[in-house]
Amino acid sequence: MSMEDMTDAELCAAATEALKTLDALAMRGRVIAANNGTSKGVIAADKFLASVAITHARAVRACDVLMPEIVLNFGGK
């Protein structure tokens, strides 16, 4: 099932899981999430983490919540 086929409730559930993943990684010092109130995109060295962040971004928009920019920073790059 593509994200376009998901209901708003399913997208919100995906957003919750994405946030849990990003929060857990941030607590381990592997991810820095920056919130500047915009939706400019995602920078990531890891394809899976990029997809998690993008899933979160799309799900939050589907829930009509302002999407913070998410920046994934690996190794200071």
C-alpha atoms as a PDB file:
ATOM      1  CA  MET A   1       0.000   0.000   0.000  1.00  0.00           C
ATOM      2  CA  SER A   2       1.378   3.389  -0.970  1.00  0.00           C
ATOM      3  CA  MET A   3       1.075   6.425   1.271  1.00  0.00           C
ATOM      4  CA  GLU A   4      -1.366   7.935  -1.216  1.00  0.00           C
ATOM      5  CA  ASP A   5      -3.745   5.043  -0.458  1.00  0.00           C
ATOM      6  CA  MET A   6      -3.513   5.395   3.333  1.00  0.00           C
ATOM      7  CA  THR A   7      -6.226   7.048   5.387  1.00  0.00           C
ATOM      8  CA  ASP A   8      -5.402  10.050   7.577  1.00  0.00           C
ATOM      9  CA  ALA A   9      -5.607   7.768  10.633  1.00  0.00           C
ATOM     10  CA  GLU A  10      -3.104   5.349   9.094  1.00  0.00           C
ATOM     11  CA  LEU A  11      -0.775   8.225   8.204  1.00  0.00           C
ATOM     12  CA  CYS A  12      -1.033   9.600  11.750  1.00  0.00           C
ATOM     13  CA  ALA A  13      -0.133   6.170  13.130  1.00  0.00           C
ATOM     14  CA  ALA A  14       2.870   6.064  10.786  1.00  0.00           C
ATOM     15  CA  ALA A  15       3.905   9.516  11.998  1.00  0.00           C
ATOM     16  CA  THR A  16       3.780   8.368  15.608  1.00  0.00           C
ATOM     17  CA  GLU A  17       6.027   5.394  14.846  1.00  0.00           C
ATOM     18  CA  ALA A  18       8.406   7.583  12.825  1.00  0.00           C
ATOM     19  CA  LEU A  19       8.701  10.037  15.698  1.00  0.00           C
ATOM     20  CA  LYS A  20       9.451   7.204  18.137  1.00  0.00           C
ATOM     21  CA  THR A  21      12.219   5.966  15.833  1.00  0.00           C
ATOM     22  CA  LEU A  22      13.741   9.422  15.386  1.00  0.00           C
ATOM     23  CA  ASP A  23      13.480  10.192  19.112  1.00  0.00           C
ATOM     24  CA  ALA A  24      15.187   6.922  20.045  1.00  0.00           C
ATOM     25  CA  LEU A  25      18.046   7.597  17.644  1.00  0.00           C
ATOM     26  CA  ALA A  26      18.361  11.191  18.832  1.00  0.00           C
ATOM     27  CA  MET A  27      18.709   9.986  22.434  1.00  0.00           C
ATOM     28  CA  ARG A  28      21.621   7.826  21.258  1.00  0.00           C
ATOM     29  CA  GLY A  29      23.278  10.849  19.669  1.00  0.00           C
ATOM     30  CA  ARG A  30      22.891   9.499  16.132  1.00  0.00           C
ATOM     31  CA  VAL A  31      20.313  11.993  14.897  1.00  0.00           C
ATOM     32  CA  ILE A  32      19.922  15.735  15.276  1.00  0.00           C
ATOM     33  CA  ALA A  33      16.420  16.988  14.495  1.00  0.00           C
ATOM     34  CA  ALA A  34      16.120  20.728  13.911  1.00  0.00           C
ATOM     35  CA  ASN A  35      12.731  22.415  14.044  1.00  0.00           C
ATOM     36  CA  ASN A  36      12.465  25.786  12.353  1.00  0.00           C
ATOM     37  CA  GLY A  37       8.761  25.570  11.496  1.00  0.00           C
ATOM     38  CA  THR A  38       9.298  24.893   7.795  1.00  0.00           C
ATOM     39  CA  SER A  39       9.062  21.878   5.517  1.00  0.00           C
ATOM     40  CA  LYS A  40      12.191  22.185   3.383  1.00  0.00           C
ATOM     41  CA  GLY A  41      13.121  18.529   3.288  1.00  0.00           C
ATOM     42  CA  VAL A  42      15.381  15.875   4.658  1.00  0.00           C
ATOM     43  CA  ILE A  43      19.143  15.435   4.622  1.00  0.00           C
ATOM     44  CA  ALA A  44      20.185  11.888   5.446  1.00  0.00           C
ATOM     45  CA  ALA A  45      23.031   9.482   4.888  1.00  0.00           C
ATOM     46  CA  ASP A  46      20.797   6.516   5.646  1.00  0.00           C
ATOM     47  CA  LYS A  47      18.043   5.640   3.172  1.00  0.00           C
ATOM     48  CA  PHE A  48      15.842   3.990   5.816  1.00  0.00           C
ATOM     49  CA  LEU A  49      16.019   6.977   8.150  1.00  0.00           C
ATOM     50  CA  ALA A  50      15.289   9.294   5.244  1.00  0.00           C
ATOM     51  CA  SER A  51      12.167   7.286   4.418  1.00  0.00           C
ATOM     52  CA  VAL A  52      11.101   7.379   8.081  1.00  0.00           C
ATOM     53  CA  ALA A  53      11.481  11.149   8.166  1.00  0.00           C
ATOM     54  CA  ILE A  54       9.633  11.562   4.868  1.00  0.00           C
ATOM     55  CA  THR A  55       6.827   9.296   6.101  1.00  0.00           C
ATOM     56  CA  HIS A  56       6.585  11.487   9.186  1.00  0.00           C
ATOM     57  CA  ALA A  57       6.551  14.664   7.105  1.00  0.00           C
ATOM     58  CA  ARG A  58       3.756  13.436   4.833  1.00  0.00           C
ATOM     59  CA  ALA A  59       1.714  12.024   7.710  1.00  0.00           C
ATOM     60  CA  VAL A  60       1.938  15.235   9.709  1.00  0.00           C
ATOM     61  CA  ARG A  61       0.791  17.256   6.698  1.00  0.00           C
ATOM     62  CA  ALA A  62      -2.129  14.849   6.307  1.00  0.00           C
ATOM     63  CA  CYS A  63      -3.087  15.622   9.903  1.00  0.00           C
ATOM     64  CA  ASP A  64      -3.000  19.383   9.203  1.00  0.00           C
ATOM     65  CA  VAL A  65      -0.156  20.017  11.643  1.00  0.00           C
ATOM     66  CA  LEU A  66       2.731  22.365  10.812  1.00  0.00           C
ATOM     67  CA  MET A  67       5.641  20.220   9.694  1.00  0.00           C
ATOM     68  CA  PRO A  68       9.014  21.016  11.270  1.00  0.00           C
ATOM     69  CA  GLU A  69      12.048  20.649   9.074  1.00  0.00           C
ATOM     70  CA  ILE A  70      13.877  17.471   9.964  1.00  0.00           C
ATOM     71  CA  VAL A  71      17.625  17.415   9.477  1.00  0.00           C
ATOM     72  CA  LEU A  72      19.428  14.140   9.996  1.00  0.00           C
ATOM     73  CA  ASN A  73      23.095  14.775  10.657  1.00  0.00           C
ATOM     74  CA  PHE A  74      25.491  11.825  10.508  1.00  0.00           C
ATOM     75  CA  GLY A  75      29.088  12.314  11.508  1.00  0.00           C
ATOM     76  CA  GLY A  76      28.956  16.099  11.198  1.00  0.00           C
ATOM     77  CA  LYS A  77      28.407  15.979   7.421  1.00  0.00           C
END
